[in-house]
Amino acid sequence: MSTPDSTPDSTAGPTPDPMLTVPGGSTDALKRAVRYGVIGLVVLTVVGVAVAGLALGSRGVWGALIGAAVGGGFILLTAVTVLVTAKLPPMTAAAVLMGGWLLKMVIALIVLGLLNPLDFYSRTALVLVMIGALILVLGAETYGVLASKMLYVEPEGSEKKPGQA
């Protein structure tokens, strides 16, 4: 039984100040970044397939599709991994991100190595769309994060005094 003079139940934890909390926090910004990245990748894929198809035929279409998948997938998987690990402890999140990045590099090298001897796709279309996907998806994700309205707060008493590092 708890009385006004007794200590509160320690399992309840501190109640966050509703004026200092942001619904969803940083995960909302990450979700927005992934959403903008996917939209940018879809637009680039449609435009890349249309242009490469008109210029190079079916080889251009295949090159554009593979380039969009490799370039856009590489960046989007990183953003999704960050979103999934957002609530994990920092060391765990860093380990998952590094392991995921290494795995993506190995997969990308294997895919490109397997595609090297094949000739059903245009290498030019693949490279151009892959570079475009990397730039566009990264830019769209950056915009998604920067356009998010997040509250930045300095807790009381955290001001540095002169002479403190």
Protein backbone atom coordinates (compact mmCIF):
# COMPACT_ATOMS: atom_id res chain seq x y z
CA MET A 1 0.00 0.00 0.00
CA SER A 2 1.31 3.40 -0.91
CA THR A 3 0.79 6.55 1.13
CA PRO A 4 1.57 10.09 0.04
CA ASP A 5 4.69 10.09 2.20
CA SER A 6 6.02 6.74 0.95
CA THR A 7 8.22 6.27 -2.07
CA PRO A 8 6.42 5.58 -5.35
CA ASP A 9 6.48 2.15 -6.95
CA SER A 10 9.89 1.80 -8.64
CA THR A 11 8.52 -0.42 -11.43
CA ALA A 12 6.39 2.37 -12.85
CA GLY A 13 9.39 4.40 -14.00
CA PRO A 14 9.49 8.14 -14.59
CA THR A 15 6.59 9.69 -16.44
CA PRO A 16 7.84 11.64 -19.46
CA ASP A 17 6.80 15.25 -19.72
CA PRO A 18 4.19 15.38 -22.54
CA MET A 19 5.52 18.79 -23.59
CA LEU A 20 8.96 17.30 -24.26
CA THR A 21 7.99 14.13 -26.11
CA VAL A 22 7.44 13.74 -29.82
CA PRO A 23 5.00 11.06 -30.98
CA GLY A 24 7.07 8.36 -32.69
CA GLY A 25 10.32 10.25 -32.09
CA SER A 26 13.06 9.59 -34.60
CA THR A 27 11.30 6.55 -36.04
CA ASP A 28 8.74 8.82 -37.72
CA ALA A 29 11.58 10.59 -39.53
CA LEU A 30 13.08 7.24 -40.55
CA LYS A 31 9.71 5.98 -41.81
CA ARG A 32 9.31 9.15 -43.83
CA ALA A 33 12.84 8.72 -45.23
CA VAL A 34 12.09 5.14 -46.32
CA ARG A 35 8.77 6.20 -47.85
CA TYR A 36 10.40 9.03 -49.84
CA GLY A 37 13.22 6.68 -50.89
CA VAL A 38 10.76 4.09 -52.19
CA ILE A 39 8.78 6.74 -54.07
CA GLY A 40 11.98 8.12 -55.62
CA LEU A 41 13.14 4.64 -56.60
CA VAL A 42 9.81 3.78 -58.22
CA VAL A 43 9.83 7.01 -60.23
CA LEU A 44 13.46 6.48 -61.30
CA THR A 45 12.74 2.86 -62.25
CA VAL A 46 9.77 3.82 -64.43
CA VAL A 47 11.68 6.65 -66.13
CA GLY A 48 14.88 4.58 -66.45
CA VAL A 49 13.04 1.60 -67.96
CA ALA A 50 11.17 3.85 -70.39
CA VAL A 51 14.27 5.75 -71.56
CA ALA A 52 16.53 2.69 -71.68
CA GLY A 53 13.82 0.67 -73.41
CA LEU A 54 13.35 3.31 -76.10
CA ALA A 55 17.08 3.79 -76.59
CA LEU A 56 18.36 0.22 -76.22
CA GLY A 57 15.37 -2.11 -76.47
CA SER A 58 14.83 -5.04 -74.12
CA ARG A 59 18.51 -5.06 -73.12
CA GLY A 60 18.07 -1.51 -71.83
CA VAL A 61 14.94 -2.48 -69.92
CA TRP A 62 16.76 -5.33 -68.16
CA GLY A 63 19.78 -3.14 -67.44
CA ALA A 64 17.58 -0.42 -65.93
CA LEU A 65 15.65 -2.91 -63.79
CA ILE A 66 18.82 -4.54 -62.46
CA GLY A 67 20.46 -1.16 -61.82
CA ALA A 68 17.42 0.09 -59.90
CA ALA A 69 17.26 -3.11 -57.85
CA VAL A 70 20.96 -3.12 -56.96
CA GLY A 71 21.41 0.63 -56.40
CA GLY A 72 18.07 1.40 -54.76
CA GLY A 73 17.94 -1.82 -52.79
CA PHE A 74 21.39 -1.20 -51.35
CA ILE A 75 20.45 2.19 -49.92
CA LEU A 76 16.89 1.28 -48.90
CA LEU A 77 18.02 -1.79 -46.99
CA THR A 78 20.36 0.41 -44.96
CA ALA A 79 17.50 2.78 -44.07
CA VAL A 80 15.21 -0.13 -43.17
CA THR A 81 17.95 -1.65 -41.00
CA VAL A 82 18.39 1.66 -39.18
CA LEU A 83 14.61 1.84 -38.67
CA VAL A 84 14.44 -1.72 -37.32
CA THR A 85 17.39 -1.23 -34.96
CA ALA A 86 16.33 2.24 -33.75
CA LYS A 87 15.15 0.95 -30.36
CA LEU A 88 18.11 -1.40 -29.75
CA PRO A 89 21.11 -0.50 -27.61
CA PRO A 90 23.72 1.48 -29.59
CA MET A 91 26.34 -1.30 -29.68
CA THR A 92 23.80 -3.86 -30.88
CA ALA A 93 22.47 -1.48 -33.53
CA ALA A 94 26.01 -0.72 -34.71
CA ALA A 95 26.83 -4.44 -34.95
CA VAL A 96 23.66 -5.15 -36.92
CA LEU A 97 24.28 -2.20 -39.25
CA MET A 98 27.90 -3.20 -39.90
CA GLY A 99 26.98 -6.84 -40.44
CA GLY A 100 24.14 -5.84 -42.75
CA TRP A 101 26.42 -3.54 -44.72
CA LEU A 102 29.03 -6.27 -45.16
CA LEU A 103 26.35 -8.75 -46.21
CA LYS A 104 24.98 -6.28 -48.77
CA MET A 105 28.46 -5.72 -50.18
CA VAL A 106 29.01 -9.46 -50.58
CA ILE A 107 25.59 -9.93 -52.20
CA ALA A 108 26.15 -6.98 -54.57
CA LEU A 109 29.55 -8.34 -55.62
CA ILE A 110 28.11 -11.83 -56.18
CA VAL A 111 25.19 -10.47 -58.23
CA LEU A 112 27.45 -8.28 -60.36
CA GLY A 113 29.94 -11.16 -60.73
CA LEU A 114 27.19 -13.51 -61.90
CA LEU A 115 25.88 -10.88 -64.35
CA ASN A 116 29.33 -10.14 -65.81
CA PRO A 117 29.45 -12.94 -68.43
CA LEU A 118 25.79 -12.54 -69.42
CA ASP A 119 24.66 -10.32 -72.28
CA PHE A 120 20.87 -10.05 -71.90
CA TYR A 121 21.17 -6.57 -70.33
CA SER A 122 22.79 -3.26 -71.21
CA ARG A 123 25.74 -2.47 -68.97
CA THR A 124 25.38 1.22 -69.76
CA ALA A 125 21.74 1.28 -68.63
CA LEU A 126 22.62 -0.75 -65.52
CA VAL A 127 25.42 1.61 -64.47
CA LEU A 128 23.50 4.82 -65.23
CA VAL A 129 20.34 3.72 -63.42
CA MET A 130 22.34 2.24 -60.51
CA ILE A 131 24.23 5.51 -59.98
CA GLY A 132 20.98 7.45 -60.39
CA ALA A 133 19.26 5.20 -57.85
CA LEU A 134 22.05 5.61 -55.31
CA ILE A 135 21.96 9.40 -55.62
CA LEU A 136 18.18 9.79 -55.87
CA VAL A 137 17.25 7.41 -53.05
CA LEU A 138 19.90 8.83 -50.73
CA GLY A 139 18.73 12.36 -51.54
CA ALA A 140 15.07 11.45 -51.04
CA GLU A 141 15.84 9.82 -47.70
CA THR A 142 17.89 12.82 -46.61
CA TYR A 143 15.03 15.13 -47.53
CA GLY A 144 12.59 12.88 -45.66
CA VAL A 145 14.63 13.17 -42.47
CA LEU A 146 15.41 16.88 -42.80
CA ALA A 147 11.79 17.78 -43.60
CA SER A 148 10.58 16.06 -40.42
CA LYS A 149 9.50 18.31 -37.62
CA MET A 150 11.28 17.09 -34.54
CA LEU A 151 11.56 18.73 -31.17
CA TYR A 152 15.08 19.37 -29.95
CA VAL A 153 15.31 20.09 -26.24
CA GLU A 154 18.19 20.80 -23.90
CA PRO A 155 17.35 19.43 -20.44
CA GLU A 156 17.42 21.94 -17.60
CA GLY A 157 20.78 22.26 -15.91
CA SER A 158 22.71 20.99 -18.91
CA GLU A 159 24.19 24.36 -19.79
CA LYS A 160 27.96 24.25 -19.84
CA LYS A 161 29.72 26.61 -17.52
CA PRO A 162 32.79 28.52 -18.71
CA GLY A 163 35.88 26.32 -18.52
CA GLN A 164 33.99 23.02 -18.87
CA ALA A 165 34.77 20.73 -21.80
